[in-house]
């Protein structure tokens, strides 16, 4: 199988132009601890969330199943260009912050994008998709002229 998944990661580089003055070991310990906490508990890149995907194959089709809990079907778009199929969308998490203070906030929101490249051209009219229990299922027929 030569289906490949290219996650659309964007790299964000932060640069602080000022030199950090020495403020004692405790200050630096706090900075290092905060940095590791951020790295451990947040996904890499700007996108906070990359939905998990399973790709299945049989003799006639590829089946892509993408878990999209909390995403509205209208907020998901499937694009086809030559040999690539892209699934893009966004998830908005309902905020409960009117008079509440967040003590734990793990649910991510924002845009996501996944691109799958095939070893054959994709015919858009032959692709089928369905939305079942928060899972997007896209069926891509294999090309007869491979």
C-alpha atoms as a PDB file:
ATOM      1  CA  UNK A   1       0.000   0.000   0.000  1.00  0.00           C
ATOM      2  CA  UNK A   2       1.413   3.371  -0.840  1.00  0.00           C
ATOM      3  CA  UNK A   3      -1.176   5.482   0.894  1.00  0.00           C
ATOM      4  CA  UNK A   4       0.644   8.061   2.959  1.00  0.00           C
ATOM      5  CA  UNK A   5      -0.628  10.382   5.683  1.00  0.00           C
ATOM      6  CA  UNK A   6       0.795  13.859   5.877  1.00  0.00           C
ATOM      7  CA  UNK A   7      -0.342  15.586   9.036  1.00  0.00           C
ATOM      8  CA  UNK A   8      -0.589  19.292   8.424  1.00  0.00           C
ATOM      9  CA  UNK A   9       1.604  20.500  11.223  1.00  0.00           C
ATOM     10  CA  UNK A  10       2.513  24.136  11.391  1.00  0.00           C
ATOM     11  CA  UNK A  11       5.567  25.078  13.332  1.00  0.00           C
ATOM     12  CA  UNK A  12       5.436  28.177  15.446  1.00  0.00           C
ATOM     13  CA  UNK A  13       8.741  29.607  16.598  1.00  0.00           C
ATOM     14  CA  UNK A  14       8.856  32.102  19.427  1.00  0.00           C
ATOM     15  CA  UNK A  15      11.914  34.293  19.810  1.00  0.00           C
ATOM     16  CA  UNK A  16      12.461  36.757  22.605  1.00  0.00           C
ATOM     17  CA  UNK A  17      14.939  39.442  21.608  1.00  0.00           C
ATOM     18  CA  UNK A  18      15.899  40.422  25.153  1.00  0.00           C
ATOM     19  CA  UNK A  19      18.546  38.687  27.208  1.00  0.00           C
ATOM     20  CA  UNK A  20      17.146  36.993  30.305  1.00  0.00           C
ATOM     21  CA  UNK A  21      18.763  38.383  33.414  1.00  0.00           C
ATOM     22  CA  UNK A  22      19.845  36.012  36.151  1.00  0.00           C
ATOM     23  CA  UNK A  23      17.125  35.923  38.788  1.00  0.00           C
ATOM     24  CA  UNK A  24      18.275  33.014  40.881  1.00  0.00           C
ATOM     25  CA  UNK A  25      18.003  29.250  40.630  1.00  0.00           C
ATOM     26  CA  UNK A  26      14.359  29.129  41.720  1.00  0.00           C
ATOM     27  CA  UNK A  27      13.328  31.436  38.886  1.00  0.00           C
ATOM     28  CA  UNK A  28      15.040  29.254  36.283  1.00  0.00           C
ATOM     29  CA  UNK A  29      13.675  26.086  37.878  1.00  0.00           C
ATOM     30  CA  UNK A  30      10.165  27.536  37.542  1.00  0.00           C
ATOM     31  CA  UNK A  31      10.784  28.447  33.879  1.00  0.00           C
ATOM     32  CA  UNK A  32      12.126  24.993  33.026  1.00  0.00           C
ATOM     33  CA  UNK A  33       9.278  23.286  34.864  1.00  0.00           C
ATOM     34  CA  UNK A  34       6.694  25.422  33.020  1.00  0.00           C
ATOM     35  CA  UNK A  35       8.350  24.646  29.684  1.00  0.00           C
ATOM     36  CA  UNK A  36       8.274  20.887  30.273  1.00  0.00           C
ATOM     37  CA  UNK A  37       4.677  21.044  31.483  1.00  0.00           C
ATOM     38  CA  UNK A  38       3.719  22.824  28.274  1.00  0.00           C
ATOM     39  CA  UNK A  39       5.613  20.337  26.090  1.00  0.00           C
ATOM     40  CA  UNK A  40       4.192  17.308  27.860  1.00  0.00           C
ATOM     41  CA  UNK A  41       0.573  18.403  28.011  1.00  0.00           C
ATOM     42  CA  UNK A  42       0.153  20.138  24.671  1.00  0.00           C
ATOM     43  CA  UNK A  43       0.424  18.621  21.185  1.00  0.00           C
ATOM     44  CA  UNK A  44       3.197  19.865  18.909  1.00  0.00           C
ATOM     45  CA  UNK A  45       2.529  22.685  16.465  1.00  0.00           C
ATOM     46  CA  UNK A  46      -0.158  25.317  16.300  1.00  0.00           C
ATOM     47  CA  UNK A  47      -2.991  22.879  15.792  1.00  0.00           C
ATOM     48  CA  UNK A  48      -4.143  21.732  19.183  1.00  0.00           C
ATOM     49  CA  UNK A  49      -5.943  18.689  17.914  1.00  0.00           C
ATOM     50  CA  UNK A  50      -5.331  16.097  15.219  1.00  0.00           C
ATOM     51  CA  UNK A  51      -8.245  13.668  15.091  1.00  0.00           C
ATOM     52  CA  UNK A  52      -7.293   9.980  15.228  1.00  0.00           C
ATOM     53  CA  UNK A  53      -7.715   8.074  11.969  1.00  0.00           C
ATOM     54  CA  UNK A  54      -7.939   4.427  10.951  1.00  0.00           C
ATOM     55  CA  UNK A  55      -7.375   3.450   7.310  1.00  0.00           C
ATOM     56  CA  UNK A  56      -8.680   0.113   6.103  1.00  0.00           C
ATOM     57  CA  UNK A  57      -8.141  -1.538   2.742  1.00  0.00           C
ATOM     58  CA  UNK A  58      -9.700  -4.385   0.811  1.00  0.00           C
ATOM     59  CA  UNK A  59      -9.393  -5.454  -2.825  1.00  0.00           C
ATOM     60  CA  UNK A  60     -11.620  -2.630  -4.118  1.00  0.00           C
ATOM     61  CA  UNK A  61     -11.574   0.336  -1.693  1.00  0.00           C
ATOM     62  CA  UNK A  62      -9.763   2.269   1.012  1.00  0.00           C
ATOM     63  CA  UNK A  63     -11.893   3.212   4.000  1.00  0.00           C
ATOM     64  CA  UNK A  64     -10.839   6.199   6.115  1.00  0.00           C
ATOM     65  CA  UNK A  65     -12.494   6.511   9.524  1.00  0.00           C
ATOM     66  CA  UNK A  66     -11.846   9.733  11.446  1.00  0.00           C
ATOM     67  CA  UNK A  67     -13.070  10.274  15.015  1.00  0.00           C
ATOM     68  CA  UNK A  68     -14.613  13.740  15.245  1.00  0.00           C
ATOM     69  CA  UNK A  69     -16.436  14.016  18.581  1.00  0.00           C
ATOM     70  CA  UNK A  70     -18.082  17.372  19.122  1.00  0.00           C
ATOM     71  CA  UNK A  71     -17.609  18.439  15.496  1.00  0.00           C
ATOM     72  CA  UNK A  72     -20.593  19.469  13.400  1.00  0.00           C
ATOM     73  CA  UNK A  73     -20.814  17.773  10.008  1.00  0.00           C
ATOM     74  CA  UNK A  74     -21.129  21.219   8.379  1.00  0.00           C
ATOM     75  CA  UNK A  75     -17.704  22.161   9.807  1.00  0.00           C
ATOM     76  CA  UNK A  76     -15.886  19.340   7.965  1.00  0.00           C
ATOM     77  CA  UNK A  77     -14.782  19.546   4.328  1.00  0.00           C
ATOM     78  CA  UNK A  78     -13.288  16.858   2.093  1.00  0.00           C
ATOM     79  CA  UNK A  79     -11.158  18.105  -0.812  1.00  0.00           C
ATOM     80  CA  UNK A  80      -9.711  16.083  -3.669  1.00  0.00           C
ATOM     81  CA  UNK A  81      -6.800  17.113  -5.856  1.00  0.00           C
ATOM     82  CA  UNK A  82      -5.258  14.591  -8.229  1.00  0.00           C
ATOM     83  CA  UNK A  83      -3.895  11.849  -5.917  1.00  0.00           C
ATOM     84  CA  UNK A  84      -4.554  13.559  -2.586  1.00  0.00           C
ATOM     85  CA  UNK A  85      -7.606  13.578  -0.360  1.00  0.00           C
ATOM     86  CA  UNK A  86      -7.685  16.246   2.353  1.00  0.00           C
ATOM     87  CA  UNK A  87     -10.050  16.368   5.306  1.00  0.00           C
ATOM     88  CA  UNK A  88     -10.233  19.755   7.021  1.00  0.00           C
ATOM     89  CA  UNK A  89     -12.462  21.250   9.626  1.00  0.00           C
ATOM     90  CA  UNK A  90     -12.795  22.881  12.988  1.00  0.00           C
ATOM     91  CA  UNK A  91     -14.097  22.047  16.414  1.00  0.00           C
ATOM     92  CA  UNK A  92     -15.497  24.607  18.808  1.00  0.00           C
ATOM     93  CA  UNK A  93     -15.709  23.588  22.443  1.00  0.00           C
ATOM     94  CA  UNK A  94     -18.496  25.218  24.406  1.00  0.00           C
ATOM     95  CA  UNK A  95     -16.915  27.536  26.927  1.00  0.00           C
ATOM     96  CA  UNK A  96     -18.388  27.684  30.411  1.00  0.00           C
ATOM     97  CA  UNK A  97     -16.438  30.693  31.586  1.00  0.00           C
ATOM     98  CA  UNK A  98     -19.130  33.310  32.275  1.00  0.00           C
ATOM     99  CA  UNK A  99     -18.694  33.192  36.039  1.00  0.00           C
ATOM    100  CA  UNK A 100     -16.608  30.048  36.347  1.00  0.00           C
ATOM    101  CA  UNK A 101     -12.885  29.565  36.719  1.00  0.00           C
ATOM    102  CA  UNK A 102     -11.349  26.732  34.707  1.00  0.00           C
ATOM    103  CA  UNK A 103      -9.487  24.284  36.944  1.00  0.00           C
ATOM    104  CA  UNK A 104      -8.733  21.797  34.156  1.00  0.00           C
ATOM    105  CA  UNK A 105      -9.068  22.429  30.432  1.00  0.00           C
ATOM    106  CA  UNK A 106      -8.049  19.445  28.260  1.00  0.00           C
ATOM    107  CA  UNK A 107     -10.526  19.593  25.385  1.00  0.00           C
ATOM    108  CA  UNK A 108      -8.940  21.248  22.392  1.00  0.00           C
ATOM    109  CA  UNK A 109     -10.633  23.333  19.810  1.00  0.00           C
ATOM    110  CA  UNK A 110      -9.601  24.878  16.559  1.00  0.00           C
ATOM    111  CA  UNK A 111      -8.771  23.820  13.044  1.00  0.00           C
ATOM    112  CA  UNK A 112      -7.476  20.438  11.970  1.00  0.00           C
ATOM    113  CA  UNK A 113      -6.320  19.049   8.635  1.00  0.00           C
ATOM    114  CA  UNK A 114      -5.202  15.637   7.452  1.00  0.00           C
ATOM    115  CA  UNK A 115      -4.037  14.797   3.931  1.00  0.00           C
ATOM    116  CA  UNK A 116      -3.858  11.309   2.449  1.00  0.00           C
ATOM    117  CA  UNK A 117      -1.924  10.697  -0.747  1.00  0.00           C
ATOM    118  CA  UNK A 118      -2.683   7.692  -2.934  1.00  0.00           C
ATOM    119  CA  UNK A 119      -0.631   6.035  -5.664  1.00  0.00           C
ATOM    120  CA  UNK A 120      -3.423   6.712  -8.183  1.00  0.00           C
ATOM    121  CA  UNK A 121      -5.645   9.618  -9.213  1.00  0.00           C
ATOM    122  CA  UNK A 122      -8.880   9.951  -7.293  1.00  0.00           C
ATOM    123  CA  UNK A 123     -12.190  10.441  -9.050  1.00  0.00           C
ATOM    124  CA  UNK A 124     -14.323  12.735  -6.900  1.00  0.00           C
ATOM    125  CA  UNK A 125     -17.674  11.417  -8.086  1.00  0.00           C
ATOM    126  CA  UNK A 126     -16.743   7.894  -6.944  1.00  0.00           C
ATOM    127  CA  UNK A 127     -15.964   8.819  -3.325  1.00  0.00           C
ATOM    128  CA  UNK A 128     -18.638   8.208  -0.703  1.00  0.00           C
ATOM    129  CA  UNK A 129     -18.798   9.622   2.802  1.00  0.00           C
ATOM    130  CA  UNK A 130     -21.069   9.214   5.782  1.00  0.00           C
ATOM    131  CA  UNK A 131     -21.289  10.565   9.309  1.00  0.00           C
ATOM    132  CA  UNK A 132     -22.022   7.964  11.980  1.00  0.00           C
ATOM    133  CA  UNK A 133     -21.946   8.636  15.748  1.00  0.00           C
ATOM    134  CA  UNK A 134     -19.260  11.331  15.504  1.00  0.00           C
ATOM    135  CA  UNK A 135     -17.145   9.329  13.050  1.00  0.00           C
ATOM    136  CA  UNK A 136     -16.547  10.478   9.475  1.00  0.00           C
ATOM    137  CA  UNK A 137     -16.270   7.486   7.135  1.00  0.00           C
ATOM    138  CA  UNK A 138     -14.841   8.152   3.660  1.00  0.00           C
ATOM    139  CA  UNK A 139     -14.738   5.348   1.086  1.00  0.00           C
ATOM    140  CA  UNK A 140     -12.244   5.769  -1.769  1.00  0.00           C
ATOM    141  CA  UNK A 141     -12.543   3.220  -4.599  1.00  0.00           C
ATOM    142  CA  UNK A 142      -9.264   1.914  -5.960  1.00  0.00           C
ATOM    143  CA  UNK A 143      -8.534   2.991  -9.511  1.00  0.00           C
ATOM    144  CA  UNK A 144      -9.304   0.385 -12.136  1.00  0.00           C
ATOM    145  CA  UNK A 145      -6.411   1.738 -14.264  1.00  0.00           C
ATOM    146  CA  UNK A 146      -3.529   1.411 -11.798  1.00  0.00           C
END
